[in-house]
PDB file of all heavy atoms in Angstrom:
ATOM      1  N   GLU A   1      -2.003  -3.896  -2.060  1.00  0.00           N
ATOM      2  CA  GLU A   1      -2.870  -4.057  -0.902  1.00  0.00           C
ATOM      3  C   GLU A   1      -2.022  -4.029   0.366  1.00  0.00           C
ATOM      4  O   GLU A   1      -0.997  -4.694   0.451  1.00  0.00           O
ATOM      5  CB  GLU A   1      -3.611  -5.394  -0.994  1.00  0.00           C
ATOM      6  CG  GLU A   1      -4.530  -5.671   0.171  1.00  0.00           C
ATOM      7  CD  GLU A   1      -5.263  -6.997   0.027  1.00  0.00           C
ATOM      8  OE1 GLU A   1      -5.089  -7.683  -1.002  1.00  0.00           O
ATOM      9  OE2 GLU A   1      -6.023  -7.351   0.949  1.00  0.00           O
ATOM     10  N   ASN A   2      -2.450  -3.244   1.339  1.00  0.00           N
ATOM     11  CA  ASN A   2      -1.814  -3.209   2.649  1.00  0.00           C
ATOM     12  C   ASN A   2      -2.457  -4.312   3.479  1.00  0.00           C
ATOM     13  O   ASN A   2      -3.639  -4.233   3.800  1.00  0.00           O
ATOM     14  CB  ASN A   2      -2.018  -1.846   3.301  1.00  0.00           C
ATOM     15  CG  ASN A   2      -1.433  -1.743   4.686  1.00  0.00           C
ATOM     16  OD1 ASN A   2      -0.809  -2.680   5.184  1.00  0.00           O
ATOM     17  ND2 ASN A   2      -1.631  -0.609   5.332  1.00  0.00           N
ATOM     18  N   THR A   3      -1.700  -5.341   3.838  1.00  0.00           N
ATOM     19  CA  THR A   3      -2.274  -6.459   4.580  1.00  0.00           C
ATOM     20  C   THR A   3      -2.054  -6.352   6.089  1.00  0.00           C
ATOM     21  O   THR A   3      -2.422  -7.250   6.832  1.00  0.00           O
ATOM     22  CB  THR A   3      -1.697  -7.801   4.082  1.00  0.00           C
ATOM     23  OG1 THR A   3      -0.281  -7.794   4.247  1.00  0.00           O
ATOM     24  CG2 THR A   3      -2.057  -8.028   2.613  1.00  0.00           C
ATOM     25  N   SER A   4      -1.473  -5.233   6.535  1.00  0.00           N
ATOM     26  CA  SER A   4      -1.182  -5.103   7.972  1.00  0.00           C
ATOM     27  C   SER A   4      -2.283  -4.338   8.700  1.00  0.00           C
ATOM     28  O   SER A   4      -3.191  -3.782   8.087  1.00  0.00           O
ATOM     29  CB  SER A   4       0.180  -4.412   8.172  1.00  0.00           C
ATOM     30  OG  SER A   4       0.071  -3.039   7.871  1.00  0.00           O
ATOM     31  N   ASP A   5      -2.164  -4.309  10.012  1.00  0.00           N
ATOM     32  CA  ASP A   5      -3.131  -3.604  10.864  1.00  0.00           C
ATOM     33  C   ASP A   5      -2.779  -2.141  11.070  1.00  0.00           C
ATOM     34  O   ASP A   5      -3.449  -1.451  11.835  1.00  0.00           O
ATOM     35  CB  ASP A   5      -3.217  -4.298  12.229  1.00  0.00           C
ATOM     36  CG  ASP A   5      -3.804  -5.696  12.134  1.00  0.00           C
ATOM     37  OD1 ASP A   5      -4.623  -5.954  11.232  1.00  0.00           O
ATOM     38  OD2 ASP A   5      -3.425  -6.550  12.964  1.00  0.00           O
ATOM     39  N   THR A   6      -1.708  -1.670  10.425  1.00  0.00           N
ATOM     40  CA  THR A   6      -1.307  -0.262  10.543  1.00  0.00           C
ATOM     41  C   THR A   6      -1.220   0.356   9.153  1.00  0.00           C
ATOM     42  O   THR A   6      -1.108  -0.338   8.145  1.00  0.00           O
ATOM     43  CB  THR A   6       0.067  -0.140  11.252  1.00  0.00           C
ATOM     44  OG1 THR A   6       1.043  -0.862  10.504  1.00  0.00           O
ATOM     45  CG2 THR A   6       0.006  -0.681  12.673  1.00  0.00           C
ATOM     46  N   ALA A   7      -1.232   1.680   9.108  1.00  0.00           N
ATOM     47  CA  ALA A   7      -1.165   2.405   7.840  1.00  0.00           C
ATOM     48  C   ALA A   7       0.208   2.235   7.198  1.00  0.00           C
ATOM     49  O   ALA A   7       1.200   1.972   7.858  1.00  0.00           O
ATOM     50  CB  ALA A   7      -1.472   3.879   8.072  1.00  0.00           C
ATOM     51  N   MET A   8       0.244   2.416   5.897  1.00  0.00           N
ATOM     52  CA  MET A   8       1.461   2.316   5.105  1.00  0.00           C
ATOM     53  C   MET A   8       1.620   3.575   4.283  1.00  0.00           C
ATOM     54  O   MET A   8       0.665   4.026   3.645  1.00  0.00           O
ATOM     55  CB  MET A   8       1.372   1.097   4.169  1.00  0.00           C
ATOM     56  CG  MET A   8       2.502   0.967   3.204  1.00  0.00           C
ATOM     57  SD  MET A   8       2.346  -0.501   2.145  1.00  0.00           S
ATOM     58  CE  MET A   8       1.253   0.118   0.881  1.00  0.00           C
ATOM     59  N   ASP A   9       2.822   4.172   4.310  1.00  0.00           N
ATOM     60  CA  ASP A   9       3.118   5.351   3.495  1.00  0.00           C
ATOM     61  C   ASP A   9       4.374   5.084   2.684  1.00  0.00           C
ATOM     62  O   ASP A   9       5.358   4.536   3.191  1.00  0.00           O
ATOM     63  CB  ASP A   9       3.328   6.581   4.389  1.00  0.00           C
ATOM     64  CG  ASP A   9       2.043   7.008   5.049  1.00  0.00           C
ATOM     65  OD1 ASP A   9       1.144   7.496   4.335  1.00  0.00           O
ATOM     66  OD2 ASP A   9       1.928   6.868   6.281  1.00  0.00           O
ATOM     67  N   VAL A  10       4.338   5.497   1.422  1.00  0.00           N
ATOM     68  CA  VAL A  10       5.462   5.264   0.519  1.00  0.00           C
ATOM     69  C   VAL A  10       5.568   6.436  -0.457  1.00  0.00           C
ATOM     70  O   VAL A  10       4.552   6.992  -0.883  1.00  0.00           O
ATOM     71  CB  VAL A  10       5.298   3.914  -0.237  1.00  0.00           C
ATOM     72  CG1 VAL A  10       4.024   3.879  -1.059  1.00  0.00           C
ATOM     73  CG2 VAL A  10       6.519   3.597  -1.077  1.00  0.00           C
ATOM     74  N   ILE A  11       6.811   6.809  -0.780  1.00  0.00           N
ATOM     75  CA  ILE A  11       7.078   7.777  -1.836  1.00  0.00           C
ATOM     76  C   ILE A  11       7.430   6.979  -3.078  1.00  0.00           C
ATOM     77  O   ILE A  11       8.306   6.112  -3.046  1.00  0.00           O
ATOM     78  CB  ILE A  11       8.254   8.717  -1.473  1.00  0.00           C
ATOM     79  CG1 ILE A  11       7.956   9.515  -0.208  1.00  0.00           C
ATOM     80  CG2 ILE A  11       8.606   9.628  -2.658  1.00  0.00           C
ATOM     81  CD1 ILE A  11       6.854  10.530  -0.346  1.00  0.00           C
ATOM     82  N   VAL A  12       6.738   7.263  -4.185  1.00  0.00           N
ATOM     83  CA  VAL A  12       6.976   6.572  -5.456  1.00  0.00           C
ATOM     84  C   VAL A  12       7.505   7.594  -6.450  1.00  0.00           C
ATOM     85  O   VAL A  12       6.878   8.632  -6.665  1.00  0.00           O
ATOM     86  CB  VAL A  12       5.678   5.933  -5.985  1.00  0.00           C
ATOM     87  CG1 VAL A  12       5.910   5.274  -7.337  1.00  0.00           C
ATOM     88  CG2 VAL A  12       5.115   4.948  -4.978  1.00  0.00           C
ATOM     89  N   ILE A  13       8.671   7.303  -7.021  1.00  0.00           N
ATOM     90  CA  ILE A  13       9.269   8.182  -8.025  1.00  0.00           C
ATOM     91  C   ILE A  13       9.170   7.470  -9.365  1.00  0.00           C
ATOM     92  O   ILE A  13       9.838   6.453  -9.578  1.00  0.00           O
ATOM     93  CB  ILE A  13      10.743   8.527  -7.698  1.00  0.00           C
ATOM     94  CG1 ILE A  13      10.837   9.202  -6.329  1.00  0.00           C
ATOM     95  CG2 ILE A  13      11.351   9.407  -8.781  1.00  0.00           C
ATOM     96  CD1 ILE A  13      11.502   8.380  -5.296  1.00  0.00           C
ATOM     97  N   GLU A  14       8.296   7.987 -10.242  1.00  0.00           N
ATOM     98  CA  GLU A  14       8.131   7.407 -11.570  1.00  0.00           C
ATOM     99  C   GLU A  14       9.186   7.995 -12.486  1.00  0.00           C
ATOM    100  O   GLU A  14       9.322   9.216 -12.578  1.00  0.00           O
ATOM    101  CB  GLU A  14       6.745   7.693 -12.129  1.00  0.00           C
ATOM    102  CG  GLU A  14       5.636   7.029 -11.366  1.00  0.00           C
ATOM    103  CD  GLU A  14       4.272   7.266 -11.988  1.00  0.00           C
ATOM    104  OE1 GLU A  14       4.097   8.272 -12.723  1.00  0.00           O
ATOM    105  OE2 GLU A  14       3.370   6.461 -11.731  1.00  0.00           O
ATOM    106  N   LEU A  15       9.927   7.138 -13.172  1.00  0.00           N
ATOM    107  CA  LEU A  15      10.972   7.584 -14.089  1.00  0.00           C
ATOM    108  C   LEU A  15      10.377   7.629 -15.493  1.00  0.00           C
ATOM    109  O   LEU A  15       9.865   6.641 -15.987  1.00  0.00           O
ATOM    110  CB  LEU A  15      12.143   6.610 -14.026  1.00  0.00           C
ATOM    111  CG  LEU A  15      12.671   6.363 -12.613  1.00  0.00           C
ATOM    112  CD1 LEU A  15      13.718   5.260 -12.618  1.00  0.00           C
ATOM    113  CD2 LEU A  15      13.222   7.634 -12.018  1.00  0.00           C
ATOM    114  N   LYS A  16      10.431   8.785 -16.105  1.00  0.00           N
ATOM    115  CA  LYS A  16       9.806   8.959 -17.414  1.00  0.00           C
ATOM    116  C   LYS A  16      10.838   9.154 -18.498  1.00  0.00           C
ATOM    117  O   LYS A  16      11.974   9.518 -18.221  1.00  0.00           O
ATOM    118  CB  LYS A  16       8.862  10.164 -17.377  1.00  0.00           C
ATOM    119  CG  LYS A  16       7.767  10.007 -16.348  1.00  0.00           C
ATOM    120  CD  LYS A  16       6.626  10.872 -16.694  1.00  0.00           C
ATOM    121  CE  LYS A  16       5.501  10.564 -15.729  1.00  0.00           C
ATOM    122  NZ  LYS A  16       4.232  10.784 -16.291  1.00  0.00           N
ATOM    123  N   GLY A  17      10.444   8.934 -19.721  1.00  0.00           N
ATOM    124  CA  GLY A  17      11.318   9.199 -20.851  1.00  0.00           C
ATOM    125  C   GLY A  17      12.339   8.115 -21.058  1.00  0.00           C
ATOM    126  O   GLY A  17      12.012   6.946 -21.173  1.00  0.00           O
ATOM    127  N   HIS A  18      13.595   8.498 -21.059  1.00  0.00           N
ATOM    128  CA  HIS A  18      14.693   7.563 -21.335  1.00  0.00           C
ATOM    129  C   HIS A  18      14.765   6.483 -20.265  1.00  0.00           C
ATOM    130  O   HIS A  18      14.246   6.633 -19.169  1.00  0.00           O
ATOM    131  CB  HIS A  18      16.020   8.315 -21.399  1.00  0.00           C
ATOM    132  CG  HIS A  18      16.031   9.350 -22.485  1.00  0.00           C
ATOM    133  ND1 HIS A  18      16.077   9.044 -23.813  1.00  0.00           N
ATOM    134  CD2 HIS A  18      15.957  10.699 -22.418  1.00  0.00           C
ATOM    135  CE1 HIS A  18      16.043  10.143 -24.530  1.00  0.00           C
ATOM    136  NE2 HIS A  18      15.973  11.173 -23.697  1.00  0.00           N
ATOM    137  N   SER A  19      15.454   5.392 -20.582  1.00  0.00           N
ATOM    138  CA  SER A  19      15.582   4.307 -19.624  1.00  0.00           C
ATOM    139  C   SER A  19      16.300   4.808 -18.379  1.00  0.00           C
ATOM    140  O   SER A  19      16.911   5.856 -18.378  1.00  0.00           O
ATOM    141  CB  SER A  19      16.334   3.137 -20.235  1.00  0.00           C
ATOM    142  OG  SER A  19      17.689   3.452 -20.380  1.00  0.00           O
ATOM    143  N   ALA A  20      16.234   4.008 -17.337  1.00  0.00           N
ATOM    144  CA  ALA A  20      16.754   4.427 -16.032  1.00  0.00           C
ATOM    145  C   ALA A  20      18.249   4.207 -15.900  1.00  0.00           C
ATOM    146  O   ALA A  20      18.776   4.171 -14.818  1.00  0.00           O
ATOM    147  CB  ALA A  20      16.017   3.670 -14.931  1.00  0.00           C
ATOM    148  N   LYS A  21      18.972   4.062 -17.016  1.00  0.00           N
ATOM    149  CA  LYS A  21      20.416   3.903 -16.960  1.00  0.00           C
ATOM    150  C   LYS A  21      21.050   5.209 -16.529  1.00  0.00           C
ATOM    151  O   LYS A  21      20.622   6.278 -16.931  1.00  0.00           O
ATOM    152  CB  LYS A  21      20.970   3.488 -18.317  1.00  0.00           C
ATOM    153  CG  LYS A  21      20.510   2.117 -18.770  1.00  0.00           C
ATOM    154  CD  LYS A  21      21.102   1.808 -20.131  1.00  0.00           C
ATOM    155  CE  LYS A  21      20.558   0.486 -20.635  1.00  0.00           C
ATOM    156  NZ  LYS A  21      21.029   0.213 -22.001  1.00  0.00           N
ATOM    157  N   SER A  22      22.115   5.117 -15.755  1.00  0.00           N
ATOM    158  CA  SER A  22      22.839   6.330 -15.388  1.00  0.00           C
ATOM    159  C   SER A  22      24.244   6.230 -15.923  1.00  0.00           C
ATOM    160  O   SER A  22      24.792   5.153 -16.070  1.00  0.00           O
ATOM    161  CB  SER A  22      22.861   6.513 -13.864  1.00  0.00           C
ATOM    162  OG  SER A  22      23.592   5.467 -13.268  1.00  0.00           O
ATOM    163  N   LYS A  23      24.846   7.358 -16.224  1.00  0.00           N
ATOM    164  CA  LYS A  23      26.198   7.394 -16.733  1.00  0.00           C
ATOM    165  C   LYS A  23      26.968   8.409 -15.906  1.00  0.00           C
ATOM    166  O   LYS A  23      26.595   9.567 -15.857  1.00  0.00           O
ATOM    167  CB  LYS A  23      26.211   7.773 -18.214  1.00  0.00           C
ATOM    168  CG  LYS A  23      27.583   7.681 -18.837  1.00  0.00           C
ATOM    169  CD  LYS A  23      27.488   7.921 -20.318  1.00  0.00           C
ATOM    170  CE  LYS A  23      28.868   7.813 -20.924  1.00  0.00           C
ATOM    171  NZ  LYS A  23      28.818   8.073 -22.365  1.00  0.00           N
ATOM    172  N   MET A  24      28.015   7.949 -15.279  1.00  0.00           N
ATOM    173  CA  MET A  24      28.820   8.850 -14.460  1.00  0.00           C
ATOM    174  C   MET A  24      29.717   9.699 -15.371  1.00  0.00           C
ATOM    175  O   MET A  24      30.177   9.234 -16.402  1.00  0.00           O
ATOM    176  CB  MET A  24      29.685   8.042 -13.476  1.00  0.00           C
ATOM    177  CG  MET A  24      28.865   7.282 -12.458  1.00  0.00           C
ATOM    178  SD  MET A  24      29.868   6.317 -11.345  1.00  0.00           S
ATOM    179  CE  MET A  24      30.866   7.589 -10.588  1.00  0.00           C
ATOM    180  N   ALA A  25      29.955  10.937 -14.959  1.00  0.00           N
ATOM    181  CA  ALA A  25      30.832  11.819 -15.732  1.00  0.00           C
ATOM    182  C   ALA A  25      32.201  11.189 -15.883  1.00  0.00           C
ATOM    183  O   ALA A  25      32.739  10.610 -14.955  1.00  0.00           O
ATOM    184  CB  ALA A  25      30.948  13.171 -15.039  1.00  0.00           C
ATOM    185  N   GLY A  26      32.754  11.268 -17.081  1.00  0.00           N
ATOM    186  CA  GLY A  26      34.091  10.764 -17.325  1.00  0.00           C
ATOM    187  C   GLY A  26      34.148   9.283 -17.677  1.00  0.00           C
ATOM    188  O   GLY A  26      35.231   8.755 -17.913  1.00  0.00           O
ATOM    189  N   THR A  27      33.007   8.585 -17.728  1.00  0.00           N
ATOM    190  CA  THR A  27      33.019   7.176 -18.118  1.00  0.00           C
ATOM    191  C   THR A  27      32.543   7.034 -19.544  1.00  0.00           C
ATOM    192  O   THR A  27      31.855   7.911 -20.080  1.00  0.00           O
ATOM    193  CB  THR A  27      32.125   6.318 -17.193  1.00  0.00           C
ATOM    194  OG1 THR A  27      30.778   6.777 -17.316  1.00  0.00           O
ATOM    195  CG2 THR A  27      32.593   6.398 -15.772  1.00  0.00           C
TER     196      THR A  27
END
């Protein structure tokens, strides 16, 4: 719920599939 007197905009990136863990190259 937007509780303010102005509009709210947001970009939502849904992560699908595997967990959101990242692995850097070489680690």
